């Protein structure tokens, strides 16, 4: 009986039809896996293609402006703060996680104010509003030789700058680093404490 069983097993292993069937199953399984991998890659670079977050400066308002020149003591008191409303749009089909960042206020290339932007996450196809108040470093204004001329002319040229960097995780397989920057040139009119038209530039990088 044992000899017959061994012979039957050997015959089944050498059966061409059975071997052909096993080979077809292996090829079909491998083909299915390859198709799934190709499909995931195609989706990752088409439907789920990483897109840069878009930072938009919605408005800039002058929150407080105080200027006092004491000629007798040769002292200048200058305080000003700006309320900057930003919105960050995530156009990706997945969430976008961004690291700690900051919004800066510059005067003629010199940083005169900064406000931190804590790390966070924006869901897919969502826009996150941010309300920031930037208090300036008055001593840096005064140290610039152009300040008194600008003040006498009644206009202060300022620039707001913001950079957001983070990662887009697609299907837990592909991670892309994306960066978005926005800079806006604005004019502060000292006569009525108002902000003039702003000219903004946007840059994106994957």
N, C-alpha and C. Protein backbone atom coordinates (compact mmCIF):
# COMPACT_ATOMS: atom_id res chain seq x y z
N UNK A 1 0.83 -1.21 0.00
CA UNK A 1 0.00 0.00 0.00
C UNK A 1 0.86 1.26 0.00
N UNK A 2 1.96 1.28 0.74
CA UNK A 2 2.82 2.45 0.81
C UNK A 2 3.48 2.71 -0.53
N UNK A 3 3.84 1.60 -1.25
CA UNK A 3 4.49 1.75 -2.55
C UNK A 3 3.52 2.33 -3.55
N UNK A 4 2.26 1.92 -3.49
CA UNK A 4 1.24 2.44 -4.40
C UNK A 4 0.97 3.92 -4.13
N UNK A 5 0.93 4.31 -2.87
CA UNK A 5 0.69 5.71 -2.51
C UNK A 5 1.80 6.60 -3.01
N UNK A 6 3.04 6.20 -2.83
CA UNK A 6 4.18 6.97 -3.29
C UNK A 6 4.16 7.09 -4.80
N UNK A 7 3.79 6.00 -5.47
CA UNK A 7 3.73 6.02 -6.92
C UNK A 7 2.65 6.97 -7.41
N UNK A 8 1.49 6.96 -6.71
CA UNK A 8 0.40 7.86 -7.10
C UNK A 8 0.80 9.31 -6.91
N UNK A 9 1.51 9.64 -5.82
CA UNK A 9 1.95 11.01 -5.55
C UNK A 9 2.94 11.46 -6.61
N UNK A 10 3.88 10.59 -7.00
CA UNK A 10 4.85 10.94 -8.02
C UNK A 10 4.17 11.18 -9.35
N UNK A 11 3.15 10.39 -9.63
CA UNK A 11 2.43 10.56 -10.89
C UNK A 11 1.70 11.89 -10.94
N UNK A 12 1.11 12.30 -9.80
CA UNK A 12 0.41 13.59 -9.75
C UNK A 12 1.38 14.74 -9.93
N UNK A 13 2.60 14.65 -9.32
CA UNK A 13 3.59 15.72 -9.43
C UNK A 13 4.12 15.85 -10.85
N UNK A 14 4.11 14.72 -11.56
CA UNK A 14 4.62 14.74 -12.93
C UNK A 14 3.52 14.93 -13.96
N UNK A 15 2.28 15.18 -13.48
CA UNK A 15 1.15 15.38 -14.40
C UNK A 15 1.30 16.73 -15.10
N UNK A 16 1.48 16.77 -16.41
CA UNK A 16 1.67 18.03 -17.13
C UNK A 16 0.51 19.00 -16.96
N UNK A 17 -0.70 18.50 -16.95
CA UNK A 17 -1.86 19.38 -16.80
C UNK A 17 -1.87 20.07 -15.44
N UNK A 18 -1.51 19.28 -14.41
CA UNK A 18 -1.49 19.87 -13.06
C UNK A 18 -0.39 20.92 -12.95
N UNK A 19 0.78 20.62 -13.49
CA UNK A 19 1.88 21.58 -13.46
C UNK A 19 1.52 22.85 -14.23
N UNK A 20 0.86 22.67 -15.37
CA UNK A 20 0.45 23.81 -16.19
C UNK A 20 -0.55 24.70 -15.43
N UNK A 21 -1.46 24.03 -14.70
CA UNK A 21 -2.45 24.78 -13.92
C UNK A 21 -1.79 25.57 -12.80
N UNK A 22 -0.84 24.93 -12.10
CA UNK A 22 -0.13 25.63 -11.02
C UNK A 22 0.66 26.82 -11.55
N UNK A 23 1.29 26.62 -12.73
CA UNK A 23 2.06 27.68 -13.35
C UNK A 23 1.17 28.86 -13.71
N UNK A 24 -0.02 28.56 -14.23
CA UNK A 24 -0.97 29.63 -14.61
C UNK A 24 -1.44 30.41 -13.38
N UNK A 25 -1.64 29.69 -12.28
CA UNK A 25 -2.07 30.36 -11.04
C UNK A 25 -0.98 31.30 -10.55
N UNK A 26 0.27 30.83 -10.60
CA UNK A 26 1.39 31.68 -10.17
C UNK A 26 1.51 32.93 -11.04
N UNK A 27 1.41 32.73 -12.37
CA UNK A 27 1.50 33.87 -13.28
C UNK A 27 0.36 34.85 -13.06
N UNK A 28 -0.85 34.31 -12.82
CA UNK A 28 -2.01 35.18 -12.59
C UNK A 28 -1.85 35.99 -11.31
N UNK A 29 -1.31 35.33 -10.26
CA UNK A 29 -1.08 36.03 -8.99
C UNK A 29 -0.03 37.12 -9.14
N UNK A 30 1.07 36.79 -9.83
CA UNK A 30 2.11 37.79 -10.05
C UNK A 30 1.60 38.94 -10.92
N UNK A 31 0.81 38.61 -11.94
CA UNK A 31 0.24 39.65 -12.80
C UNK A 31 -0.69 40.57 -12.04
N UNK A 32 -1.48 39.97 -11.11
CA UNK A 32 -2.38 40.79 -10.31
C UNK A 32 -1.63 41.73 -9.39
N UNK A 33 -0.55 41.23 -8.77
CA UNK A 33 0.26 42.08 -7.89
C UNK A 33 0.91 43.21 -8.68
N UNK A 34 1.45 42.89 -9.85
CA UNK A 34 2.08 43.92 -10.68
C UNK A 34 1.07 44.98 -11.10
N UNK A 35 -0.15 44.51 -11.44
CA UNK A 35 -1.21 45.47 -11.83
C UNK A 35 -1.56 46.40 -10.69
N UNK A 36 -1.66 45.84 -9.48
CA UNK A 36 -1.99 46.67 -8.31
C UNK A 36 -0.90 47.69 -8.05
N UNK A 37 0.37 47.25 -8.17
CA UNK A 37 1.49 48.18 -7.95
C UNK A 37 1.48 49.30 -8.97
N UNK A 38 1.27 48.93 -10.25
CA UNK A 38 1.22 49.95 -11.31
C UNK A 38 0.06 50.90 -11.08
N UNK A 39 -1.09 50.37 -10.66
CA UNK A 39 -2.26 51.20 -10.40
C UNK A 39 -1.98 52.19 -9.27
N UNK A 40 -1.33 51.73 -8.20
CA UNK A 40 -1.01 52.61 -7.08
C UNK A 40 -0.08 53.72 -7.52
N UNK A 41 0.94 53.37 -8.32
CA UNK A 41 1.88 54.38 -8.80
C UNK A 41 1.18 55.40 -9.68
N UNK A 42 0.29 54.93 -10.57
CA UNK A 42 -0.45 55.85 -11.45
C UNK A 42 -1.32 56.79 -10.63
N UNK A 43 -2.01 56.26 -9.63
CA UNK A 43 -2.87 57.10 -8.78
C UNK A 43 -2.03 58.11 -8.00
N UNK A 44 -0.85 57.66 -7.54
CA UNK A 44 0.00 58.55 -6.75
C UNK A 44 0.47 59.75 -7.55
N UNK A 45 0.65 59.58 -8.85
CA UNK A 45 1.19 60.66 -9.67
C UNK A 45 0.16 61.30 -10.59
N UNK A 46 -1.11 60.92 -10.43
CA UNK A 46 -2.18 61.57 -11.21
C UNK A 46 -3.23 62.12 -10.26
N UNK A 47 -4.14 61.26 -9.82
CA UNK A 47 -5.22 61.72 -8.93
C UNK A 47 -4.67 62.27 -7.62
N UNK A 48 -3.66 61.58 -7.06
CA UNK A 48 -3.09 62.00 -5.79
C UNK A 48 -1.78 62.75 -5.97
N UNK A 49 -1.54 63.28 -7.14
CA UNK A 49 -0.31 64.02 -7.39
C UNK A 49 -0.17 65.17 -6.39
N UNK A 50 0.99 65.28 -5.74
CA UNK A 50 1.13 66.33 -4.72
C UNK A 50 1.01 67.72 -5.29
N UNK A 51 0.27 68.56 -4.58
CA UNK A 51 0.10 69.95 -4.98
C UNK A 51 0.55 70.85 -3.83
N UNK A 52 1.12 71.97 -4.19
CA UNK A 52 1.61 72.89 -3.17
C UNK A 52 0.47 73.59 -2.46
N UNK A 53 0.61 73.79 -1.15
CA UNK A 53 -0.39 74.60 -0.44
C UNK A 53 -0.30 76.04 -0.93
N UNK A 54 -1.42 76.70 -0.97
CA UNK A 54 -1.49 78.08 -1.47
C UNK A 54 -1.74 79.02 -0.29
N UNK A 55 -0.78 79.90 -0.03
CA UNK A 55 -0.93 80.90 1.03
C UNK A 55 -1.45 82.19 0.41
N UNK A 56 -2.55 82.68 0.91
CA UNK A 56 -3.13 83.92 0.41
C UNK A 56 -3.22 84.94 1.55
N UNK A 57 -2.72 86.13 1.30
CA UNK A 57 -2.87 87.22 2.27
C UNK A 57 -4.21 87.90 1.98
N UNK A 58 -5.17 87.65 2.85
CA UNK A 58 -6.53 88.16 2.62
C UNK A 58 -6.65 89.64 2.96
N UNK A 59 -5.99 90.05 4.02
CA UNK A 59 -6.06 91.47 4.39
C UNK A 59 -4.93 91.82 5.35
N UNK A 60 -4.55 93.08 5.31
CA UNK A 60 -3.56 93.63 6.24
C UNK A 60 -4.12 94.93 6.78
N UNK A 61 -4.26 95.01 8.09
CA UNK A 61 -4.81 96.22 8.70
C UNK A 61 -3.85 96.73 9.78
N UNK A 62 -3.85 98.02 9.95
CA UNK A 62 -3.01 98.66 10.95
C UNK A 62 -3.75 98.64 12.29
N UNK A 63 -3.19 97.91 13.24
CA UNK A 63 -3.86 97.76 14.52
C UNK A 63 -3.57 98.94 15.45
N UNK A 64 -2.33 99.44 15.42
CA UNK A 64 -1.98 100.50 16.36
C UNK A 64 -0.77 101.25 15.82
N UNK A 65 -0.82 102.55 15.91
CA UNK A 65 0.31 103.36 15.45
C UNK A 65 0.50 104.52 16.42
N UNK A 66 1.67 104.57 17.00
CA UNK A 66 2.01 105.66 17.91
C UNK A 66 3.42 106.15 17.58
N UNK A 67 3.52 107.43 17.38
CA UNK A 67 4.82 108.01 17.08
C UNK A 67 4.94 109.32 17.83
N UNK A 68 6.05 109.45 18.54
CA UNK A 68 6.26 110.69 19.29
C UNK A 68 7.74 111.04 19.22
N UNK A 69 8.02 112.26 18.83
CA UNK A 69 9.39 112.75 18.74
C UNK A 69 9.62 113.82 19.79
N UNK A 70 10.50 113.51 20.73
CA UNK A 70 10.84 114.44 21.80
C UNK A 70 12.20 115.07 21.45
N UNK A 71 12.15 116.27 20.89
CA UNK A 71 13.39 116.93 20.45
C UNK A 71 14.25 117.38 21.62
N UNK A 72 13.61 117.63 22.77
CA UNK A 72 14.38 118.12 23.92
C UNK A 72 15.25 117.01 24.51
N UNK A 73 14.72 115.79 24.49
CA UNK A 73 15.46 114.65 25.05
C UNK A 73 16.08 113.76 23.97
N UNK A 74 15.87 114.17 22.73
CA UNK A 74 16.38 113.40 21.60
C UNK A 74 15.92 111.94 21.67
N UNK A 75 14.62 111.80 21.95
CA UNK A 75 14.03 110.46 22.04
C UNK A 75 12.92 110.32 20.99
N UNK A 76 12.83 109.12 20.47
CA UNK A 76 11.77 108.79 19.52
C UNK A 76 11.00 107.60 20.06
N UNK A 77 9.71 107.78 20.21
CA UNK A 77 8.84 106.69 20.64
C UNK A 77 8.00 106.26 19.43
N UNK A 78 8.16 105.01 19.05
CA UNK A 78 7.46 104.52 17.87
C UNK A 78 6.93 103.12 18.14
N UNK A 79 5.64 102.95 18.00
CA UNK A 79 5.01 101.64 18.16
C UNK A 79 3.98 101.45 17.05
N UNK A 80 3.96 100.25 16.50
CA UNK A 80 2.97 99.92 15.47
C UNK A 80 2.82 98.41 15.43
N UNK A 81 1.62 97.96 15.14
CA UNK A 81 1.36 96.52 14.95
C UNK A 81 0.40 96.35 13.79
N UNK A 82 0.55 95.23 13.12
CA UNK A 82 -0.28 94.93 11.95
C UNK A 82 -1.06 93.64 12.19
N UNK A 83 -2.32 93.65 11.81
CA UNK A 83 -3.13 92.44 11.81
C UNK A 83 -3.12 91.88 10.40
N UNK A 84 -2.58 90.67 10.27
CA UNK A 84 -2.47 90.02 8.96
C UNK A 84 -3.37 88.79 8.96
N UNK A 85 -4.32 88.76 8.02
CA UNK A 85 -5.20 87.60 7.86
C UNK A 85 -4.70 86.76 6.69
N UNK A 86 -4.29 85.53 6.99
CA UNK A 86 -3.83 84.59 5.99
C UNK A 86 -4.81 83.44 5.83
N UNK A 87 -4.76 82.80 4.69
CA UNK A 87 -5.48 81.55 4.51
C UNK A 87 -4.58 80.59 3.75
N UNK A 88 -4.53 79.34 4.22
CA UNK A 88 -3.70 78.32 3.61
C UNK A 88 -4.63 77.26 3.03
N UNK A 89 -4.59 77.10 1.72
CA UNK A 89 -5.46 76.15 1.04
C UNK A 89 -4.68 74.89 0.69
N UNK A 90 -5.23 73.74 1.09
CA UNK A 90 -4.65 72.46 0.73
C UNK A 90 -5.47 71.85 -0.40
N UNK A 91 -4.92 71.85 -1.59
CA UNK A 91 -5.64 71.33 -2.76
C UNK A 91 -5.41 69.84 -2.98
N UNK A 92 -4.66 69.21 -2.09
CA UNK A 92 -4.39 67.78 -2.23
C UNK A 92 -5.59 66.93 -1.83
N UNK A 93 -5.60 65.71 -2.32
CA UNK A 93 -6.65 64.75 -1.98
C UNK A 93 -6.36 64.03 -0.68
N UNK A 94 -5.29 64.41 -0.04
CA UNK A 94 -4.92 63.87 1.27
C UNK A 94 -4.53 65.04 2.17
N UNK A 95 -4.39 64.78 3.45
CA UNK A 95 -4.05 65.83 4.41
C UNK A 95 -2.62 66.34 4.21
N UNK A 96 -2.41 67.57 4.63
CA UNK A 96 -1.10 68.21 4.53
C UNK A 96 -0.64 68.60 5.93
N UNK A 97 0.52 68.08 6.34
CA UNK A 97 1.10 68.42 7.64
C UNK A 97 2.23 69.41 7.43
N UNK A 98 2.18 70.52 8.16
CA UNK A 98 3.23 71.52 8.02
C UNK A 98 3.94 71.74 9.36
N UNK A 99 5.20 72.12 9.25
CA UNK A 99 6.05 72.31 10.43
C UNK A 99 5.89 73.72 10.99
N UNK A 100 6.52 73.96 12.14
CA UNK A 100 6.52 75.30 12.73
C UNK A 100 7.11 76.29 11.73
N UNK A 101 6.47 77.43 11.64
CA UNK A 101 6.93 78.45 10.72
C UNK A 101 6.74 79.82 11.37
N UNK A 102 6.85 80.87 10.55
CA UNK A 102 6.69 82.22 11.08
C UNK A 102 6.34 83.17 9.94
N UNK A 103 5.63 84.22 10.30
CA UNK A 103 5.36 85.31 9.36
C UNK A 103 6.23 86.48 9.78
N UNK A 104 6.85 87.11 8.78
CA UNK A 104 7.78 88.19 9.06
C UNK A 104 7.28 89.51 8.48
N UNK A 105 7.71 90.58 9.13
CA UNK A 105 7.46 91.92 8.63
C UNK A 105 8.82 92.57 8.38
N UNK A 106 9.02 93.04 7.16
CA UNK A 106 10.32 93.62 6.78
C UNK A 106 10.15 95.09 6.37
N UNK A 107 11.18 95.86 6.67
CA UNK A 107 11.23 97.27 6.26
C UNK A 107 12.53 97.51 5.52
N UNK A 108 12.42 97.73 4.23
CA UNK A 108 13.60 97.95 3.37
C UNK A 108 14.64 96.85 3.53
N UNK A 109 14.15 95.60 3.52
CA UNK A 109 15.04 94.45 3.61
C UNK A 109 15.45 94.05 5.01
N UNK A 110 15.03 94.82 6.00
CA UNK A 110 15.39 94.54 7.40
C UNK A 110 14.18 93.97 8.13
N UNK A 111 14.36 92.83 8.79
CA UNK A 111 13.26 92.25 9.54
C UNK A 111 12.97 93.08 10.78
N UNK A 112 11.73 93.55 10.89
CA UNK A 112 11.35 94.41 12.01
C UNK A 112 10.22 93.80 12.84
N UNK A 113 9.76 92.62 12.46
CA UNK A 113 8.70 91.99 13.23
C UNK A 113 8.53 90.54 12.82
N UNK A 114 8.07 89.72 13.76
CA UNK A 114 7.89 88.30 13.48
C UNK A 114 6.82 87.73 14.40
N UNK A 115 6.02 86.80 13.87
CA UNK A 115 5.02 86.12 14.69
C UNK A 115 5.06 84.64 14.32
N UNK A 116 5.12 83.74 15.31
CA UNK A 116 5.23 82.31 15.01
C UNK A 116 3.92 81.72 14.48
N UNK A 117 4.05 80.71 13.64
CA UNK A 117 2.92 79.92 13.15
C UNK A 117 3.16 78.48 13.60
N UNK A 118 2.41 77.98 14.57
CA UNK A 118 2.66 76.63 15.08
C UNK A 118 2.32 75.57 14.05
N UNK A 119 2.98 74.42 14.18
CA UNK A 119 2.76 73.30 13.27
C UNK A 119 1.30 72.84 13.34
N UNK A 120 0.83 72.27 12.25
CA UNK A 120 -0.55 71.81 12.21
C UNK A 120 -0.82 70.93 11.01
N UNK A 121 -2.08 70.63 10.79
CA UNK A 121 -2.50 69.78 9.68
C UNK A 121 -3.77 70.35 9.06
N UNK A 122 -3.81 70.31 7.73
CA UNK A 122 -4.99 70.78 6.99
C UNK A 122 -5.54 69.58 6.22
N UNK A 123 -6.81 69.31 6.40
CA UNK A 123 -7.43 68.17 5.73
C UNK A 123 -7.48 68.37 4.22
N UNK A 124 -7.79 67.30 3.52
CA UNK A 124 -7.83 67.33 2.06
C UNK A 124 -8.86 68.34 1.57
N UNK A 125 -8.47 69.13 0.56
CA UNK A 125 -9.36 70.12 -0.08
C UNK A 125 -9.97 71.10 0.92
N UNK A 126 -9.22 71.46 1.95
CA UNK A 126 -9.71 72.40 2.95
C UNK A 126 -8.81 73.64 3.00
N UNK A 127 -9.37 74.73 3.53
CA UNK A 127 -8.64 75.98 3.70
C UNK A 127 -8.63 76.37 5.17
N UNK A 128 -7.46 76.66 5.68
CA UNK A 128 -7.32 77.03 7.10
C UNK A 128 -7.04 78.52 7.22
N UNK A 129 -7.92 79.29 7.86
CA UNK A 129 -7.65 80.72 8.07
C UNK A 129 -6.73 80.94 9.26
N UNK A 130 -5.92 81.98 9.18
CA UNK A 130 -5.02 82.34 10.27
C UNK A 130 -5.06 83.85 10.47
N UNK A 131 -5.24 84.25 11.70
CA UNK A 131 -5.24 85.67 12.06
C UNK A 131 -4.00 85.96 12.91
N UNK A 132 -3.10 86.74 12.36
CA UNK A 132 -1.83 87.00 13.01
C UNK A 132 -1.69 88.48 13.34
N UNK A 133 -1.12 88.76 14.48
CA UNK A 133 -0.81 90.13 14.86
C UNK A 133 0.70 90.27 14.99
N UNK A 134 1.27 91.11 14.16
CA UNK A 134 2.72 91.30 14.14
C UNK A 134 3.06 92.61 14.83
N UNK A 135 3.77 92.53 15.92
CA UNK A 135 4.25 93.73 16.61
C UNK A 135 5.68 93.99 16.18
N UNK A 136 5.95 95.21 15.78
CA UNK A 136 7.26 95.50 15.21
C UNK A 136 8.29 95.82 16.29
N UNK A 137 9.55 95.69 15.89
CA UNK A 137 10.68 96.06 16.74
C UNK A 137 11.04 97.51 16.41
N UNK A 138 10.54 98.42 17.20
CA UNK A 138 10.65 99.85 16.89
C UNK A 138 12.09 100.30 16.73
N UNK A 139 12.99 99.75 17.54
CA UNK A 139 14.38 100.20 17.49
C UNK A 139 15.03 99.91 16.14
N UNK A 140 14.57 98.86 15.47
CA UNK A 140 15.13 98.55 14.15
C UNK A 140 14.67 99.55 13.10
N UNK A 141 13.43 100.01 13.23
CA UNK A 141 12.95 101.07 12.35
C UNK A 141 13.84 102.30 12.47
N UNK A 142 14.00 102.71 13.69
CA UNK A 142 14.69 103.98 13.95
C UNK A 142 16.16 103.91 13.54
N UNK A 143 16.74 102.70 13.61
CA UNK A 143 18.14 102.57 13.27
C UNK A 143 18.41 102.71 11.77
N UNK A 144 17.36 102.60 10.97
CA UNK A 144 17.53 102.74 9.52
C UNK A 144 17.53 104.22 9.15
N UNK A 145 18.50 104.61 8.36
CA UNK A 145 18.65 106.02 8.00
C UNK A 145 17.50 106.54 7.13
N UNK A 146 16.74 105.63 6.51
CA UNK A 146 15.64 106.05 5.65
C UNK A 146 14.35 106.32 6.43
N UNK A 147 14.34 105.94 7.70
CA UNK A 147 13.09 105.99 8.44
C UNK A 147 12.53 107.41 8.54
N UNK A 148 13.35 108.37 8.92
CA UNK A 148 12.84 109.72 9.13
C UNK A 148 12.38 110.35 7.81
N UNK A 149 13.06 110.02 6.72
CA UNK A 149 12.63 110.53 5.42
C UNK A 149 11.28 109.92 5.04
N UNK A 150 11.12 108.61 5.28
CA UNK A 150 9.84 107.95 4.99
C UNK A 150 8.74 108.50 5.89
N UNK A 151 9.09 108.71 7.15
CA UNK A 151 8.09 109.23 8.08
C UNK A 151 7.67 110.64 7.68
N UNK A 152 8.62 111.45 7.30
CA UNK A 152 8.29 112.82 6.88
C UNK A 152 7.41 112.82 5.64
N UNK A 153 7.64 111.83 4.76
CA UNK A 153 6.82 111.72 3.56
C UNK A 153 5.45 111.13 3.83
N UNK A 154 5.25 110.60 5.03
CA UNK A 154 3.92 110.09 5.40
C UNK A 154 3.66 108.66 4.96
N UNK A 155 4.69 107.94 4.47
CA UNK A 155 4.48 106.58 4.00
C UNK A 155 5.62 105.67 4.47
N UNK A 156 5.23 104.47 4.92
CA UNK A 156 6.22 103.47 5.30
C UNK A 156 6.08 102.26 4.38
N UNK A 157 7.13 101.94 3.61
CA UNK A 157 7.07 100.75 2.75
C UNK A 157 7.41 99.50 3.56
N UNK A 158 6.50 98.55 3.60
CA UNK A 158 6.71 97.33 4.37
C UNK A 158 6.50 96.11 3.48
N UNK A 159 7.00 94.99 3.96
CA UNK A 159 6.81 93.73 3.25
C UNK A 159 6.46 92.65 4.27
N UNK A 160 5.44 91.88 3.96
CA UNK A 160 5.11 90.71 4.77
C UNK A 160 5.63 89.47 4.04
N UNK A 161 6.18 88.54 4.80
CA UNK A 161 6.74 87.33 4.20
C UNK A 161 6.33 86.13 5.04
N UNK A 162 5.89 85.07 4.36
CA UNK A 162 5.49 83.85 5.07
C UNK A 162 5.89 82.64 4.23
N UNK A 163 6.46 81.65 4.90
CA UNK A 163 6.83 80.40 4.23
C UNK A 163 6.28 79.23 5.03
N UNK A 164 5.58 78.34 4.34
CA UNK A 164 5.04 77.13 4.95
C UNK A 164 5.65 75.92 4.25
N UNK A 165 6.23 75.02 5.04
CA UNK A 165 6.79 73.79 4.47
C UNK A 165 6.23 72.60 5.24
N UNK A 166 6.01 71.52 4.51
CA UNK A 166 5.46 70.34 5.15
C UNK A 166 5.51 69.14 4.23
N UNK A 167 4.74 68.10 4.57
CA UNK A 167 4.75 66.86 3.81
C UNK A 167 3.33 66.42 3.46
N UNK A 168 3.24 65.82 2.28
CA UNK A 168 2.02 65.18 1.83
C UNK A 168 2.28 63.68 1.78
N UNK A 169 1.49 62.90 2.52
CA UNK A 169 1.66 61.45 2.59
C UNK A 169 0.57 60.79 1.76
N UNK A 170 0.97 60.17 0.64
CA UNK A 170 0.00 59.58 -0.28
C UNK A 170 -0.04 58.07 -0.08
N UNK A 171 -1.21 57.58 0.33
CA UNK A 171 -1.47 56.15 0.50
C UNK A 171 -0.48 55.48 1.45
N UNK A 172 0.12 56.28 2.34
CA UNK A 172 1.11 55.78 3.29
C UNK A 172 2.30 55.10 2.60
N UNK A 173 2.51 55.44 1.34
CA UNK A 173 3.61 54.86 0.57
C UNK A 173 4.56 55.92 0.03
N UNK A 174 4.02 57.05 -0.37
CA UNK A 174 4.82 58.10 -0.98
C UNK A 174 4.72 59.37 -0.13
N UNK A 175 5.87 59.93 0.22
CA UNK A 175 5.90 61.17 0.98
C UNK A 175 6.60 62.25 0.15
N UNK A 176 5.93 63.39 0.01
CA UNK A 176 6.48 64.49 -0.77
C UNK A 176 6.62 65.72 0.12
N UNK A 177 7.76 66.38 -0.02
CA UNK A 177 8.01 67.63 0.71
C UNK A 177 7.59 68.80 -0.17
N UNK A 178 6.71 69.65 0.35
CA UNK A 178 6.22 70.80 -0.42
C UNK A 178 6.46 72.08 0.37
N UNK A 179 6.70 73.16 -0.37
CA UNK A 179 6.99 74.47 0.24
C UNK A 179 6.21 75.53 -0.50
N UNK A 180 5.62 76.44 0.25
CA UNK A 180 4.89 77.56 -0.34
C UNK A 180 5.31 78.85 0.37
N UNK A 181 5.62 79.88 -0.42
CA UNK A 181 6.01 81.17 0.14
C UNK A 181 5.16 82.29 -0.45
N UNK A 182 4.92 83.29 0.36
CA UNK A 182 4.17 84.46 -0.07
C UNK A 182 4.84 85.71 0.48
N UNK A 183 5.02 86.68 -0.37
CA UNK A 183 5.56 87.98 0.06
C UNK A 183 4.69 89.08 -0.53
N UNK A 184 4.35 90.06 0.30
CA UNK A 184 3.48 91.15 -0.13
C UNK A 184 4.12 92.49 0.22
N UNK A 185 4.18 93.36 -0.75
CA UNK A 185 4.64 94.73 -0.53
C UNK A 185 3.44 95.61 -0.21
N UNK A 186 3.51 96.34 0.88
CA UNK A 186 2.40 97.20 1.29
C UNK A 186 2.95 98.58 1.67
N UNK A 187 2.06 99.53 1.66
CA UNK A 187 2.40 100.89 2.08
C UNK A 187 1.49 101.27 3.25
N UNK A 188 2.09 101.74 4.33
CA UNK A 188 1.32 102.24 5.48
C UNK A 188 1.28 103.76 5.39
N UNK A 189 0.07 104.31 5.30
CA UNK A 189 -0.10 105.76 5.24
C UNK A 189 -0.23 106.28 6.68
N UNK A 190 0.72 107.09 7.08
CA UNK A 190 0.77 107.56 8.45
C UNK A 190 -0.27 108.63 8.75
N UNK A 191 -0.73 109.34 7.72
CA UNK A 191 -1.67 110.44 7.95
C UNK A 191 -3.00 109.96 8.52
N UNK A 192 -3.47 108.80 8.02
CA UNK A 192 -4.76 108.29 8.51
C UNK A 192 -4.65 106.87 9.05
N UNK A 193 -3.41 106.41 9.29
CA UNK A 193 -3.17 105.07 9.87
C UNK A 193 -3.85 103.97 9.06
N UNK A 194 -3.70 104.03 7.75
CA UNK A 194 -4.32 103.03 6.90
C UNK A 194 -3.26 102.30 6.07
N UNK A 195 -3.67 101.19 5.49
CA UNK A 195 -2.78 100.39 4.66
C UNK A 195 -3.23 100.49 3.22
N UNK A 196 -2.28 100.80 2.33
CA UNK A 196 -2.62 100.94 0.93
C UNK A 196 -2.70 99.60 0.22
N UNK A 197 -2.78 99.65 -1.10
CA UNK A 197 -2.86 98.43 -1.89
C UNK A 197 -1.62 97.57 -1.69
N UNK A 198 -1.82 96.26 -1.75
CA UNK A 198 -0.72 95.33 -1.58
C UNK A 198 -0.43 94.59 -2.88
N UNK A 199 0.84 94.37 -3.11
CA UNK A 199 1.29 93.63 -4.29
C UNK A 199 1.96 92.36 -3.81
N UNK A 200 1.35 91.21 -4.11
CA UNK A 200 1.82 89.94 -3.56
C UNK A 200 2.42 89.04 -4.64
N UNK A 201 3.45 88.30 -4.24
CA UNK A 201 4.09 87.30 -5.09
C UNK A 201 4.01 85.95 -4.39
N UNK A 202 3.67 84.93 -5.17
CA UNK A 202 3.51 83.58 -4.63
C UNK A 202 4.48 82.62 -5.32
N UNK A 203 5.13 81.76 -4.53
CA UNK A 203 6.05 80.77 -5.07
C UNK A 203 5.76 79.42 -4.43
N UNK A 204 5.87 78.37 -5.24
CA UNK A 204 5.61 77.03 -4.79
C UNK A 204 6.71 76.09 -5.25
N UNK A 205 6.99 75.09 -4.43
CA UNK A 205 8.05 74.15 -4.78
C UNK A 205 7.75 72.78 -4.17
N UNK A 206 7.91 71.73 -5.00
CA UNK A 206 7.76 70.36 -4.51
C UNK A 206 9.15 69.74 -4.36
